[in-house]
Amino acid sequence: MPVIQIEALPQAAGVDVRAVMGDVCNRVAACMGADPGQVWATWRTLEAYTEGDTPAESQPGSTHPPVARLIAFEGRSDEQVRSALEAAAGALSEGLRLEPGNAFVLFDEARAGRVYTGGSVRS
């Protein structure tokens, strides 16, 4: 069950953050052969964000990309990881009306025996 944690600055008026989250989940699910209902996303709005000494208080189109962490169980192929990263980045860039590629997405592999969910430690 992949989990996507997204952090970003406040978005422009008219951007539907929940719809963007759903699109990210659906695209990642398709890449990983997962049921979309098994892919979760969270959103945290950042109060402050700087690139070096350049601050931003709302989401620019070409800088200060949203930062997403995609956590999934180990055992995914390199192609699955690559396509999921690209899918999440594309959904964020498109949905948030950013320039193509203005997203930062990290794949974090959850190892067996290191995750508790569904009432037990997953092996």
PDB file of N, CA and C in Angstrom:
ATOM      1  N   MET A   1       0.838  -1.165   0.000  1.00  0.00           N
ATOM      2  CA  MET A   1       0.000   0.000   0.000  1.00  0.00           C
ATOM      3  C   MET A   1       0.891   1.238   0.000  1.00  0.00           C
ATOM      4  N   PRO A   2       1.036   1.899  -1.137  1.00  0.00           N
ATOM      5  CA  PRO A   2       1.829   3.133  -1.196  1.00  0.00           C
ATOM      6  C   PRO A   2       1.171   4.280  -0.418  1.00  0.00           C
ATOM      7  N   VAL A   3       1.997   5.092   0.199  1.00  0.00           N
ATOM      8  CA  VAL A   3       1.564   6.300   0.895  1.00  0.00           C
ATOM      9  C   VAL A   3       2.346   7.459   0.288  1.00  0.00           C
ATOM     10  N   ILE A   4       1.648   8.545  -0.047  1.00  0.00           N
ATOM     11  CA  ILE A   4       2.296   9.713  -0.624  1.00  0.00           C
ATOM     12  C   ILE A   4       2.072  10.894   0.307  1.00  0.00           C
ATOM     13  N   GLN A   5       3.160  11.439   0.827  1.00  0.00           N
ATOM     14  CA  GLN A   5       3.104  12.598   1.720  1.00  0.00           C
ATOM     15  C   GLN A   5       3.535  13.817   0.902  1.00  0.00           C
ATOM     16  N   ILE A   6       2.644  14.793   0.776  1.00  0.00           N
ATOM     17  CA  ILE A   6       2.908  15.968  -0.056  1.00  0.00           C
ATOM     18  C   ILE A   6       2.964  17.195   0.841  1.00  0.00           C
ATOM     19  N   GLU A   7       3.993  18.013   0.625  1.00  0.00           N
ATOM     20  CA  GLU A   7       4.117  19.296   1.311  1.00  0.00           C
ATOM     21  C   GLU A   7       4.285  20.372   0.249  1.00  0.00           C
ATOM     22  N   ALA A   8       3.536  21.441   0.394  1.00  0.00           N
ATOM     23  CA  ALA A   8       3.609  22.511  -0.603  1.00  0.00           C
ATOM     24  C   ALA A   8       3.137  23.820   0.009  1.00  0.00           C
ATOM     25  N   LEU A   9       3.494  24.889  -0.658  1.00  0.00           N
ATOM     26  CA  LEU A   9       3.043  26.214  -0.258  1.00  0.00           C
ATOM     27  C   LEU A   9       1.543  26.354  -0.526  1.00  0.00           C
ATOM     28  N   PRO A  10       0.909  27.390   0.033  1.00  0.00           N
ATOM     29  CA  PRO A  10      -0.497  27.631  -0.302  1.00  0.00           C
ATOM     30  C   PRO A  10      -0.659  27.766  -1.822  1.00  0.00           C
ATOM     31  N   GLN A  11      -1.734  27.197  -2.333  1.00  0.00           N
ATOM     32  CA  GLN A  11      -1.958  27.148  -3.770  1.00  0.00           C
ATOM     33  C   GLN A  11      -2.820  28.313  -4.251  1.00  0.00           C
ATOM     34  N   ALA A  12      -2.780  28.530  -5.548  1.00  0.00           N
ATOM     35  CA  ALA A  12      -3.567  29.593  -6.173  1.00  0.00           C
ATOM     36  C   ALA A  12      -5.061  29.303  -6.022  1.00  0.00           C
ATOM     37  N   ALA A  13      -5.839  30.354  -6.061  1.00  0.00           N
ATOM     38  CA  ALA A  13      -7.292  30.206  -6.004  1.00  0.00           C
ATOM     39  C   ALA A  13      -7.735  29.312  -7.155  1.00  0.00           C
ATOM     40  N   GLY A  14      -8.655  28.420  -6.853  1.00  0.00           N
ATOM     41  CA  GLY A  14      -9.186  27.536  -7.883  1.00  0.00           C
ATOM     42  C   GLY A  14      -8.488  26.198  -7.982  1.00  0.00           C
ATOM     43  N   VAL A  15      -7.347  26.038  -7.322  1.00  0.00           N
ATOM     44  CA  VAL A  15      -6.664  24.741  -7.332  1.00  0.00           C
ATOM     45  C   VAL A  15      -7.351  23.852  -6.298  1.00  0.00           C
ATOM     46  N   ASP A  16      -7.823  22.705  -6.733  1.00  0.00           N
ATOM     47  CA  ASP A  16      -8.514  21.755  -5.861  1.00  0.00           C
ATOM     48  C   ASP A  16      -7.496  20.727  -5.362  1.00  0.00           C
ATOM     49  N   VAL A  17      -6.951  20.980  -4.196  1.00  0.00           N
ATOM     50  CA  VAL A  17      -5.907  20.123  -3.631  1.00  0.00           C
ATOM     51  C   VAL A  17      -6.389  18.681  -3.486  1.00  0.00           C
ATOM     52  N   ARG A  18      -7.615  18.484  -3.054  1.00  0.00           N
ATOM     53  CA  ARG A  18      -8.127  17.116  -2.884  1.00  0.00           C
ATOM     54  C   ARG A  18      -8.207  16.379  -4.219  1.00  0.00           C
ATOM     55  N   ALA A  19      -8.600  17.083  -5.270  1.00  0.00           N
ATOM     56  CA  ALA A  19      -8.645  16.461  -6.600  1.00  0.00           C
ATOM     57  C   ALA A  19      -7.235  16.103  -7.066  1.00  0.00           C
ATOM     58  N   VAL A  20      -6.270  16.967  -6.788  1.00  0.00           N
ATOM     59  CA  VAL A  20      -4.877  16.684  -7.149  1.00  0.00           C
ATOM     60  C   VAL A  20      -4.391  15.447  -6.398  1.00  0.00           C
ATOM     61  N   MET A  21      -4.697  15.359  -5.114  1.00  0.00           N
ATOM     62  CA  MET A  21      -4.302  14.196  -4.323  1.00  0.00           C
ATOM     63  C   MET A  21      -4.900  12.918  -4.914  1.00  0.00           C
ATOM     64  N   GLY A  22      -6.154  12.957  -5.295  1.00  0.00           N
ATOM     65  CA  GLY A  22      -6.799  11.794  -5.888  1.00  0.00           C
ATOM     66  C   GLY A  22      -6.152  11.393  -7.197  1.00  0.00           C
ATOM     67  N   ASP A  23      -5.786  12.379  -8.011  1.00  0.00           N
ATOM     68  CA  ASP A  23      -5.124  12.094  -9.283  1.00  0.00           C
ATOM     69  C   ASP A  23      -3.756  11.460  -9.046  1.00  0.00           C
ATOM     70  N   VAL A  24      -3.022  11.980  -8.077  1.00  0.00           N
ATOM     71  CA  VAL A  24      -1.719  11.394  -7.737  1.00  0.00           C
ATOM     72  C   VAL A  24      -1.915   9.927  -7.337  1.00  0.00           C
ATOM     73  N   CYS A  25      -2.871   9.656  -6.466  1.00  0.00           N
ATOM     74  CA  CYS A  25      -3.134   8.275  -6.019  1.00  0.00           C
ATOM     75  C   CYS A  25      -3.480   7.373  -7.199  1.00  0.00           C
ATOM     76  N   ASN A  26      -4.377   7.827  -8.064  1.00  0.00           N
ATOM     77  CA  ASN A  26      -4.798   7.010  -9.201  1.00  0.00           C
ATOM     78  C   ASN A  26      -3.640   6.714 -10.147  1.00  0.00           C
ATOM     79  N   ARG A  27      -2.817   7.713 -10.434  1.00  0.00           N
ATOM     80  CA  ARG A  27      -1.696   7.508 -11.354  1.00  0.00           C
ATOM     81  C   ARG A  27      -0.638   6.582 -10.765  1.00  0.00           C
ATOM     82  N   VAL A  28      -0.340   6.759  -9.490  1.00  0.00           N
ATOM     83  CA  VAL A  28       0.644   5.886  -8.838  1.00  0.00           C
ATOM     84  C   VAL A  28       0.105   4.455  -8.781  1.00  0.00           C
ATOM     85  N   ALA A  29      -1.166   4.295  -8.472  1.00  0.00           N
ATOM     86  CA  ALA A  29      -1.765   2.961  -8.425  1.00  0.00           C
ATOM     87  C   ALA A  29      -1.625   2.261  -9.769  1.00  0.00           C
ATOM     88  N   ALA A  30      -1.887   2.969 -10.851  1.00  0.00           N
ATOM     89  CA  ALA A  30      -1.785   2.381 -12.185  1.00  0.00           C
ATOM     90  C   ALA A  30      -0.362   1.901 -12.472  1.00  0.00           C
ATOM     91  N   CYS A  31       0.630   2.663 -12.041  1.00  0.00           N
ATOM     92  CA  CYS A  31       2.028   2.297 -12.281  1.00  0.00           C
ATOM     93  C   CYS A  31       2.462   1.088 -11.462  1.00  0.00           C
ATOM     94  N   MET A  32       1.865   0.934 -10.299  1.00  0.00           N
ATOM     95  CA  MET A  32       2.297  -0.122  -9.390  1.00  0.00           C
ATOM     96  C   MET A  32       1.365  -1.328  -9.394  1.00  0.00           C
ATOM     97  N   GLY A  33       0.363  -1.301 -10.248  1.00  0.00           N
ATOM     98  CA  GLY A  33      -0.567  -2.417 -10.289  1.00  0.00           C
ATOM     99  C   GLY A  33      -1.360  -2.562  -9.004  1.00  0.00           C
ATOM    100  N   ALA A  34      -1.668  -1.446  -8.374  1.00  0.00           N
ATOM    101  CA  ALA A  34      -2.373  -1.449  -7.091  1.00  0.00           C
ATOM    102  C   ALA A  34      -3.805  -0.950  -7.272  1.00  0.00           C
ATOM    103  N   ASP A  35      -4.661  -1.333  -6.357  1.00  0.00           N
ATOM    104  CA  ASP A  35      -6.011  -0.799  -6.293  1.00  0.00           C
ATOM    105  C   ASP A  35      -5.895   0.655  -5.829  1.00  0.00           C
ATOM    106  N   PRO A  36      -6.503   1.620  -6.544  1.00  0.00           N
ATOM    107  CA  PRO A  36      -6.395   3.024  -6.122  1.00  0.00           C
ATOM    108  C   PRO A  36      -6.813   3.262  -4.671  1.00  0.00           C
ATOM    109  N   GLY A  37      -7.741   2.456  -4.155  1.00  0.00           N
ATOM    110  CA  GLY A  37      -8.167   2.591  -2.761  1.00  0.00           C
ATOM    111  C   GLY A  37      -7.101   2.177  -1.765  1.00  0.00           C
ATOM    112  N   GLN A  38      -6.055   1.530  -2.253  1.00  0.00           N
ATOM    113  CA  GLN A  38      -4.950   1.112  -1.400  1.00  0.00           C
ATOM    114  C   GLN A  38      -3.780   2.091  -1.448  1.00  0.00           C
ATOM    115  N   VAL A  39      -3.937   3.192  -2.173  1.00  0.00           N
ATOM    116  CA  VAL A  39      -2.895   4.225  -2.242  1.00  0.00           C
ATOM    117  C   VAL A  39      -3.415   5.430  -1.472  1.00  0.00           C
ATOM    118  N   TRP A  40      -2.665   5.868  -0.488  1.00  0.00           N
ATOM    119  CA  TRP A  40      -3.090   6.965   0.377  1.00  0.00           C
ATOM    120  C   TRP A  40      -2.233   8.185   0.115  1.00  0.00           C
ATOM    121  N   ALA A  41      -2.831   9.355   0.297  1.00  0.00           N
ATOM    122  CA  ALA A  41      -2.073  10.605   0.181  1.00  0.00           C
ATOM    123  C   ALA A  41      -2.443  11.529   1.333  1.00  0.00           C
ATOM    124  N   THR A  42      -1.437  12.256   1.808  1.00  0.00           N
ATOM    125  CA  THR A  42      -1.662  13.307   2.798  1.00  0.00           C
ATOM    126  C   THR A  42      -1.107  14.605   2.233  1.00  0.00           C
ATOM    127  N   TRP A  43      -1.618  15.710   2.738  1.00  0.00           N
ATOM    128  CA  TRP A  43      -1.203  17.030   2.270  1.00  0.00           C
ATOM    129  C   TRP A  43      -0.911  17.906   3.472  1.00  0.00           C
ATOM    130  N   ARG A  44       0.211  18.572   3.435  1.00  0.00           N
ATOM    131  CA  ARG A  44       0.570  19.535   4.473  1.00  0.00           C
ATOM    132  C   ARG A  44       0.928  20.843   3.779  1.00  0.00           C
ATOM    133  N   THR A  45       0.258  21.920   4.160  1.00  0.00           N
ATOM    134  CA  THR A  45       0.562  23.244   3.602  1.00  0.00           C
ATOM    135  C   THR A  45       1.666  23.881   4.421  1.00  0.00           C
ATOM    136  N   LEU A  46       2.672  24.338   3.730  1.00  0.00           N
ATOM    137  CA  LEU A  46       3.836  24.950   4.376  1.00  0.00           C
ATOM    138  C   LEU A  46       3.618  26.437   4.600  1.00  0.00           C
ATOM    139  N   GLU A  47       4.040  26.918   5.754  1.00  0.00           N
ATOM    140  CA  GLU A  47       3.964  28.345   6.045  1.00  0.00           C
ATOM    141  C   GLU A  47       5.125  29.098   5.427  1.00  0.00           C
ATOM    142  N   ALA A  48       6.264  28.451   5.342  1.00  0.00           N
ATOM    143  CA  ALA A  48       7.463  29.103   4.828  1.00  0.00           C
ATOM    144  C   ALA A  48       8.268  28.113   4.000  1.00  0.00           C
ATOM    145  N   TYR A  49       8.959  28.628   2.981  1.00  0.00           N
ATOM    146  CA  TYR A  49       9.750  27.785   2.090  1.00  0.00           C
ATOM    147  C   TYR A  49      10.739  28.700   1.402  1.00  0.00           C
ATOM    148  N   THR A  50      12.015  28.368   1.498  1.00  0.00           N
ATOM    149  CA  THR A  50      13.020  29.151   0.785  1.00  0.00           C
ATOM    150  C   THR A  50      13.852  28.236  -0.100  1.00  0.00           C
ATOM    151  N   GLU A  51      14.286  28.776  -1.198  1.00  0.00           N
ATOM    152  CA  GLU A  51      15.297  28.136  -2.035  1.00  0.00           C
ATOM    153  C   GLU A  51      16.519  29.022  -1.864  1.00  0.00           C
ATOM    154  N   GLY A  52      17.472  28.542  -1.059  1.00  0.00           N
ATOM    155  CA  GLY A  52      18.601  29.403  -0.706  1.00  0.00           C
ATOM    156  C   GLY A  52      18.075  30.558   0.118  1.00  0.00           C
ATOM    157  N   ASP A  53      18.297  31.771  -0.356  1.00  0.00           N
ATOM    158  CA  ASP A  53      17.787  32.940   0.373  1.00  0.00           C
ATOM    159  C   ASP A  53      16.582  33.563  -0.327  1.00  0.00           C
ATOM    160  N   THR A  54      15.911  32.788  -1.200  1.00  0.00           N
ATOM    161  CA  THR A  54      14.740  33.288  -1.920  1.00  0.00           C
ATOM    162  C   THR A  54      13.477  32.652  -1.327  1.00  0.00           C
ATOM    163  N   PRO A  55      12.740  33.445  -0.528  1.00  0.00           N
ATOM    164  CA  PRO A  55      11.531  32.910   0.086  1.00  0.00           C
ATOM    165  C   PRO A  55      10.325  32.987  -0.854  1.00  0.00           C
ATOM    166  N   ALA A  56       9.326  32.183  -0.535  1.00  0.00           N
ATOM    167  CA  ALA A  56       8.033  32.262  -1.216  1.00  0.00           C
ATOM    168  C   ALA A  56       6.948  31.987  -0.186  1.00  0.00           C
ATOM    169  N   GLU A  57       5.845  32.676  -0.308  1.00  0.00           N
ATOM    170  CA  GLU A  57       4.736  32.488   0.630  1.00  0.00           C
ATOM    171  C   GLU A  57       3.533  31.822  -0.021  1.00  0.00           C
ATOM    172  N   SER A  58       3.551  31.756  -1.359  1.00  0.00           N
ATOM    173  CA  SER A  58       2.532  31.022  -2.096  1.00  0.00           C
ATOM    174  C   SER A  58       3.230  30.321  -3.255  1.00  0.00           C
ATOM    175  N   GLN A  59       2.545  29.393  -3.879  1.00  0.00           N
ATOM    176  CA  GLN A  59       3.167  28.508  -4.860  1.00  0.00           C
ATOM    177  C   GLN A  59       3.500  29.224  -6.174  1.00  0.00           C
ATOM    178  N   PRO A  60       4.806  29.428  -6.465  1.00  0.00           N
ATOM    179  CA  PRO A  60       5.178  29.929  -7.781  1.00  0.00           C
ATOM    180  C   PRO A  60       5.087  28.797  -8.802  1.00  0.00           C
ATOM    181  N   GLY A  61       5.000  29.139 -10.061  1.00  0.00           N
ATOM    182  CA  GLY A  61       4.874  28.130 -11.097  1.00  0.00           C
ATOM    183  C   GLY A  61       6.166  27.431 -11.462  1.00  0.00           C
ATOM    184  N   SER A  62       7.303  28.124 -11.264  1.00  0.00           N
ATOM    185  CA  SER A  62       8.552  27.559 -11.774  1.00  0.00           C
ATOM    186  C   SER A  62       9.616  27.294 -10.720  1.00  0.00           C
ATOM    187  N   THR A  63       9.357  27.651  -9.475  1.00  0.00           N
ATOM    188  CA  THR A  63      10.319  27.411  -8.399  1.00  0.00           C
ATOM    189  C   THR A  63       9.587  26.837  -7.193  1.00  0.00           C
ATOM    190  N   HIS A  64      10.314  26.561  -6.138  1.00  0.00           N
ATOM    191  CA  HIS A  64       9.733  26.084  -4.883  1.00  0.00           C
ATOM    192  C   HIS A  64       8.748  24.936  -5.132  1.00  0.00           C
ATOM    193  N   PRO A  65       9.226  23.851  -5.745  1.00  0.00           N
ATOM    194  CA  PRO A  65       8.319  22.757  -6.093  1.00  0.00           C
ATOM    195  C   PRO A  65       7.687  22.109  -4.876  1.00  0.00           C
ATOM    196  N   PRO A  66       6.493  21.547  -5.051  1.00  0.00           N
ATOM    197  CA  PRO A  66       5.946  20.731  -3.980  1.00  0.00           C
ATOM    198  C   PRO A  66       6.907  19.567  -3.746  1.00  0.00           C
ATOM    199  N   VAL A  67       7.005  19.144  -2.496  1.00  0.00           N
ATOM    200  CA  VAL A  67       7.892  18.047  -2.131  1.00  0.00           C
ATOM    201  C   VAL A  67       7.011  16.866  -1.732  1.00  0.00           C
ATOM    202  N   ALA A  68       7.199  15.743  -2.416  1.00  0.00           N
ATOM    203  CA  ALA A  68       6.389  14.560  -2.142  1.00  0.00           C
ATOM    204  C   ALA A  68       7.301  13.386  -1.814  1.00  0.00           C
ATOM    205  N   ARG A  69       6.871  12.607  -0.860  1.00  0.00           N
ATOM    206  CA  ARG A  69       7.586  11.390  -0.462  1.00  0.00           C
ATOM    207  C   ARG A  69       6.646  10.228  -0.735  1.00  0.00           C
ATOM    208  N   LEU A  70       7.058   9.320  -1.615  1.00  0.00           N
ATOM    209  CA  LEU A  70       6.259   8.166  -1.982  1.00  0.00           C
ATOM    210  C   LEU A  70       6.854   6.960  -1.250  1.00  0.00           C
ATOM    211  N   ILE A  71       6.096   6.415  -0.323  1.00  0.00           N
ATOM    212  CA  ILE A  71       6.560   5.287   0.487  1.00  0.00           C
ATOM    213  C   ILE A  71       5.819   4.039   0.010  1.00  0.00           C
ATOM    214  N   ALA A  72       6.576   3.004  -0.341  1.00  0.00           N
ATOM    215  CA  ALA A  72       5.960   1.749  -0.787  1.00  0.00           C
ATOM    216  C   ALA A  72       6.827   0.578  -0.349  1.00  0.00           C
ATOM    217  N   PHE A  73       6.202  -0.580  -0.230  1.00  0.00           N
ATOM    218  CA  PHE A  73       6.933  -1.774   0.174  1.00  0.00           C
ATOM    219  C   PHE A  73       8.024  -2.115  -0.829  1.00  0.00           C
ATOM    220  N   GLU A  74       9.076  -2.701  -0.331  1.00  0.00           N
ATOM    221  CA  GLU A  74      10.188  -3.136  -1.168  1.00  0.00           C
ATOM    222  C   GLU A  74       9.726  -4.188  -2.174  1.00  0.00           C
ATOM    223  N   GLY A  75      10.550  -4.404  -3.175  1.00  0.00           N
ATOM    224  CA  GLY A  75      10.253  -5.423  -4.171  1.00  0.00           C
ATOM    225  C   GLY A  75       9.715  -4.883  -5.473  1.00  0.00           C
ATOM    226  N   ARG A  76       9.603  -3.569  -5.598  1.00  0.00           N
ATOM    227  CA  ARG A  76       9.143  -2.969  -6.856  1.00  0.00           C
ATOM    228  C   ARG A  76      10.293  -2.968  -7.852  1.00  0.00           C
ATOM    229  N   SER A  77       9.961  -3.148  -9.109  1.00  0.00           N
ATOM    230  CA  SER A  77      10.995  -3.106 -10.146  1.00  0.00           C
ATOM    231  C   SER A  77      11.453  -1.658 -10.354  1.00  0.00           C
ATOM    232  N   ASP A  78      12.630  -1.509 -10.926  1.00  0.00           N
ATOM    233  CA  ASP A  78      13.131  -0.160 -11.229  1.00  0.00           C
ATOM    234  C   ASP A  78      12.150   0.588 -12.123  1.00  0.00           C
ATOM    235  N   GLU A  79      11.538  -0.118 -13.077  1.00  0.00           N
ATOM    236  CA  GLU A  79      10.574   0.512 -13.984  1.00  0.00           C
ATOM    237  C   GLU A  79       9.327   0.974 -13.236  1.00  0.00           C
ATOM    238  N   GLN A  80       8.836   0.161 -12.283  1.00  0.00           N
ATOM    239  CA  GLN A  80       7.678   0.571 -11.489  1.00  0.00           C
ATOM    240  C   GLN A  80       8.002   1.826 -10.673  1.00  0.00           C
ATOM    241  N   VAL A  81       9.176   1.855 -10.066  1.00  0.00           N
ATOM    242  CA  VAL A  81       9.575   3.012  -9.267  1.00  0.00           C
ATOM    243  C   VAL A  81       9.677   4.245 -10.157  1.00  0.00           C
ATOM    244  N   ARG A  82      10.358   4.102 -11.274  1.00  0.00           N
ATOM    245  CA  ARG A  82      10.537   5.229 -12.192  1.00  0.00           C
ATOM    246  C   ARG A  82       9.191   5.761 -12.684  1.00  0.00           C
ATOM    247  N   SER A  83       8.316   4.865 -13.121  1.00  0.00           N
ATOM    248  CA  SER A  83       7.029   5.317 -13.648  1.00  0.00           C
ATOM    249  C   SER A  83       6.159   5.938 -12.556  1.00  0.00           C
ATOM    250  N   ALA A  84       6.226   5.407 -11.330  1.00  0.00           N
ATOM    251  CA  ALA A  84       5.457   5.995 -10.226  1.00  0.00           C
ATOM    252  C   ALA A  84       5.974   7.385  -9.878  1.00  0.00           C
ATOM    253  N   LEU A  85       7.293   7.559  -9.870  1.00  0.00           N
ATOM    254  CA  LEU A  85       7.871   8.888  -9.616  1.00  0.00           C
ATOM    255  C   LEU A  85       7.422   9.885 -10.683  1.00  0.00           C
ATOM    256  N   GLU A  86       7.512   9.474 -11.937  1.00  0.00           N
ATOM    257  CA  GLU A  86       7.117  10.361 -13.039  1.00  0.00           C
ATOM    258  C   GLU A  86       5.615  10.658 -13.010  1.00  0.00           C
ATOM    259  N   ALA A  87       4.818   9.651 -12.664  1.00  0.00           N
ATOM    260  CA  ALA A  87       3.366   9.845 -12.595  1.00  0.00           C
ATOM    261  C   ALA A  87       2.988  10.820 -11.488  1.00  0.00           C
ATOM    262  N   ALA A  88       3.586  10.657 -10.321  1.00  0.00           N
ATOM    263  CA  ALA A  88       3.292  11.561  -9.204  1.00  0.00           C
ATOM    264  C   ALA A  88       3.725  12.982  -9.542  1.00  0.00           C
ATOM    265  N   ALA A  89       4.920  13.124 -10.108  1.00  0.00           N
ATOM    266  CA  ALA A  89       5.412  14.459 -10.472  1.00  0.00           C
ATOM    267  C   ALA A  89       4.517  15.105 -11.528  1.00  0.00           C
ATOM    268  N   GLY A  90       4.104  14.329 -12.515  1.00  0.00           N
ATOM    269  CA  GLY A  90       3.230  14.864 -13.555  1.00  0.00           C
ATOM    270  C   GLY A  90       1.886  15.306 -13.009  1.00  0.00           C
ATOM    271  N   ALA A  91       1.305  14.491 -12.143  1.00  0.00           N
ATOM    272  CA  ALA A  91       0.012  14.844 -11.553  1.00  0.00           C
ATOM    273  C   ALA A  91       0.122  16.118 -10.716  1.00  0.00           C
ATOM    274  N   LEU A  92       1.215  16.249  -9.968  1.00  0.00           N
ATOM    275  CA  LEU A  92       1.398  17.459  -9.159  1.00  0.00           C
ATOM    276  C   LEU A  92       1.592  18.687 -10.040  1.00  0.00           C
ATOM    277  N   SER A  93       2.481  18.594 -11.017  1.00  0.00           N
ATOM    278  CA  SER A  93       2.750  19.744 -11.897  1.00  0.00           C
ATOM    279  C   SER A  93       1.492  20.179 -12.637  1.00  0.00           C
ATOM    280  N   GLU A  94       0.774  19.214 -13.190  1.00  0.00           N
ATOM    281  CA  GLU A  94      -0.436  19.546 -13.942  1.00  0.00           C
ATOM    282  C   GLU A  94      -1.538  20.074 -13.038  1.00  0.00           C
ATOM    283  N   GLY A  95      -1.816  19.347 -11.955  1.00  0.00           N
ATOM    284  CA  GLY A  95      -2.922  19.709 -11.080  1.00  0.00           C
ATOM    285  C   GLY A  95      -2.731  21.021 -10.347  1.00  0.00           C
ATOM    286  N   LEU A  96      -1.481  21.345 -10.043  1.00  0.00           N
ATOM    287  CA  LEU A  96      -1.193  22.596  -9.324  1.00  0.00           C
ATOM    288  C   LEU A  96      -0.865  23.735 -10.282  1.00  0.00           C
ATOM    289  N   ARG A  97      -0.965  23.450 -11.587  1.00  0.00           N
ATOM    290  CA  ARG A  97      -0.732  24.463 -12.637  1.00  0.00           C
ATOM    291  C   ARG A  97       0.694  25.009 -12.594  1.00  0.00           C
ATOM    292  N   LEU A  98       1.642  24.081 -12.467  1.00  0.00           N
ATOM    293  CA  LEU A  98       3.050  24.443 -12.413  1.00  0.00           C
ATOM    294  C   LEU A  98       3.703  24.154 -13.755  1.00  0.00           C
ATOM    295  N   GLU A  99       4.886  24.709 -13.943  1.00  0.00           N
ATOM    296  CA  GLU A  99       5.633  24.389 -15.142  1.00  0.00           C
ATOM    297  C   GLU A  99       5.974  22.900 -15.115  1.00  0.00           C
ATOM    298  N   PRO A 100       6.006  22.260 -16.283  1.00  0.00           N
ATOM    299  CA  PRO A 100       6.343  20.834 -16.314  1.00  0.00           C
ATOM    300  C   PRO A 100       7.663  20.567 -15.587  1.00  0.00           C
ATOM    301  N   GLY A 101       7.651  19.548 -14.775  1.00  0.00           N
ATOM    302  CA  GLY A 101       8.865  19.172 -14.060  1.00  0.00           C
ATOM    303  C   GLY A 101       9.074  19.889 -12.743  1.00  0.00           C
ATOM    304  N   ASN A 102       8.214  20.828 -12.383  1.00  0.00           N
ATOM    305  CA  ASN A 102       8.403  21.566 -11.130  1.00  0.00           C
ATOM    306  C   ASN A 102       7.770  20.798  -9.963  1.00  0.00           C
ATOM    307  N   ALA A 103       8.360  19.649  -9.670  1.00  0.00           N
ATOM    308  CA  ALA A 103       7.940  18.819  -8.537  1.00  0.00           C
ATOM    309  C   ALA A 103       9.166  18.047  -8.064  1.00  0.00           C
ATOM    310  N   PHE A 104       9.218  17.782  -6.780  1.00  0.00           N
ATOM    311  CA  PHE A 104      10.289  16.966  -6.199  1.00  0.00           C
ATOM    312  C   PHE A 104       9.621  15.771  -5.554  1.00  0.00           C
ATOM    313  N   VAL A 105       9.918  14.573  -6.052  1.00  0.00           N
ATOM    314  CA  VAL A 105       9.291  13.357  -5.531  1.00  0.00           C
ATOM    315  C   VAL A 105      10.390  12.351  -5.190  1.00  0.00           C
ATOM    316  N   LEU A 106      10.341  11.849  -3.982  1.00  0.00           N
ATOM    317  CA  LEU A 106      11.315  10.891  -3.476  1.00  0.00           C
ATOM    318  C   LEU A 106      10.624   9.554  -3.244  1.00  0.00           C
ATOM    319  N   PHE A 107      11.215   8.460  -3.732  1.00  0.00           N
ATOM    320  CA  PHE A 107      10.700   7.120  -3.458  1.00  0.00           C
ATOM    321  C   PHE A 107      11.435   6.583  -2.248  1.00  0.00           C
ATOM    322  N   ASP A 108      10.693   6.209  -1.246  1.00  0.00           N
ATOM    323  CA  ASP A 108      11.258   5.672  -0.013  1.00  0.00           C
ATOM    324  C   ASP A 108      10.735   4.257   0.159  1.00  0.00           C
ATOM    325  N   GLU A 109      11.626   3.274   0.104  1.00  0.00           N
ATOM    326  CA  GLU A 109      11.247   1.876   0.163  1.00  0.00           C
ATOM    327  C   GLU A 109      11.047   1.428   1.607  1.00  0.00           C
ATOM    328  N   ALA A 110       9.870   0.882   1.886  1.00  0.00           N
ATOM    329  CA  ALA A 110       9.558   0.356   3.216  1.00  0.00           C
ATOM    330  C   ALA A 110       9.965  -1.116   3.254  1.00  0.00           C
ATOM    331  N   ARG A 111      10.855  -1.447   4.138  1.00  0.00           N
ATOM    332  CA  ARG A 111      11.380  -2.812   4.229  1.00  0.00           C
ATOM    333  C   ARG A 111      10.480  -3.706   5.069  1.00  0.00           C
ATOM    334  N   ALA A 112      10.445  -4.974   4.704  1.00  0.00           N
ATOM    335  CA  ALA A 112       9.686  -5.963   5.470  1.00  0.00           C
ATOM    336  C   ALA A 112      10.170  -5.977   6.915  1.00  0.00           C
ATOM    337  N   GLY A 113       9.213  -6.096   7.822  1.00  0.00           N
ATOM    338  CA  GLY A 113       9.540  -6.111   9.245  1.00  0.00           C
ATOM    339  C   GLY A 113       9.734  -4.734   9.845  1.00  0.00           C
ATOM    340  N   ARG A 114       9.570  -3.691   9.035  1.00  0.00           N
ATOM    341  CA  ARG A 114       9.782  -2.315   9.501  1.00  0.00           C
ATOM    342  C   ARG A 114       8.539  -1.445   9.370  1.00  0.00           C
ATOM    343  N   VAL A 115       7.389  -2.066   9.080  1.00  0.00           N
ATOM    344  CA  VAL A 115       6.146  -1.321   8.888  1.00  0.00           C
ATOM    345  C   VAL A 115       5.034  -1.995   9.666  1.00  0.00           C
ATOM    346  N   TYR A 116       4.312  -1.200  10.435  1.00  0.00           N
ATOM    347  CA  TYR A 116       3.107  -1.696  11.126  1.00  0.00           C
ATOM    348  C   TYR A 116       1.901  -1.123  10.411  1.00  0.00           C
ATOM    349  N   THR A 117       0.993  -1.988   9.985  1.00  0.00           N
ATOM    350  CA  THR A 117      -0.282  -1.565   9.408  1.00  0.00           C
ATOM    351  C   THR A 117      -1.237  -2.738   9.409  1.00  0.00           C
ATOM    352  N   GLY A 118      -2.511  -2.467   9.443  1.00  0.00           N
ATOM    353  CA  GLY A 118      -3.507  -3.530   9.413  1.00  0.00           C
ATOM    354  C   GLY A 118      -3.453  -4.476  10.594  1.00  0.00           C
ATOM    355  N   GLY A 119      -2.936  -4.012  11.721  1.00  0.00           N
ATOM    356  CA  GLY A 119      -2.940  -4.813  12.933  1.00  0.00           C
ATOM    357  C   GLY A 119      -1.698  -5.633  13.185  1.00  0.00           C
ATOM    358  N   SER A 120      -0.682  -5.486  12.305  1.00  0.00           N
ATOM    359  CA  SER A 120       0.536  -6.267  12.530  1.00  0.00           C
ATOM    360  C   SER A 120       1.728  -5.638  11.827  1.00  0.00           C
ATOM    361  N   VAL A 121       2.903  -6.111  12.212  1.00  0.00           N
ATOM    362  CA  VAL A 121       4.125  -5.719  11.515  1.00  0.00           C
ATOM    363  C   VAL A 121       4.168  -6.536  10.236  1.00  0.00           C
ATOM    364  N   ARG A 122       4.337  -5.865   9.105  1.00  0.00           N
ATOM    365  CA  ARG A 122       4.298  -6.531   7.798  1.00  0.00           C
ATOM    366  C   ARG A 122       5.635  -7.188   7.486  1.00  0.00           C
ATOM    367  N   SER A 123       5.565  -8.425   7.035  1.00  0.00           N
ATOM    368  CA  SER A 123       6.773  -9.180   6.678  1.00  0.00           C
ATOM    369  C   SER A 123       6.878  -9.319   5.186  1.00  0.00           C
TER     370      SER A 123
END
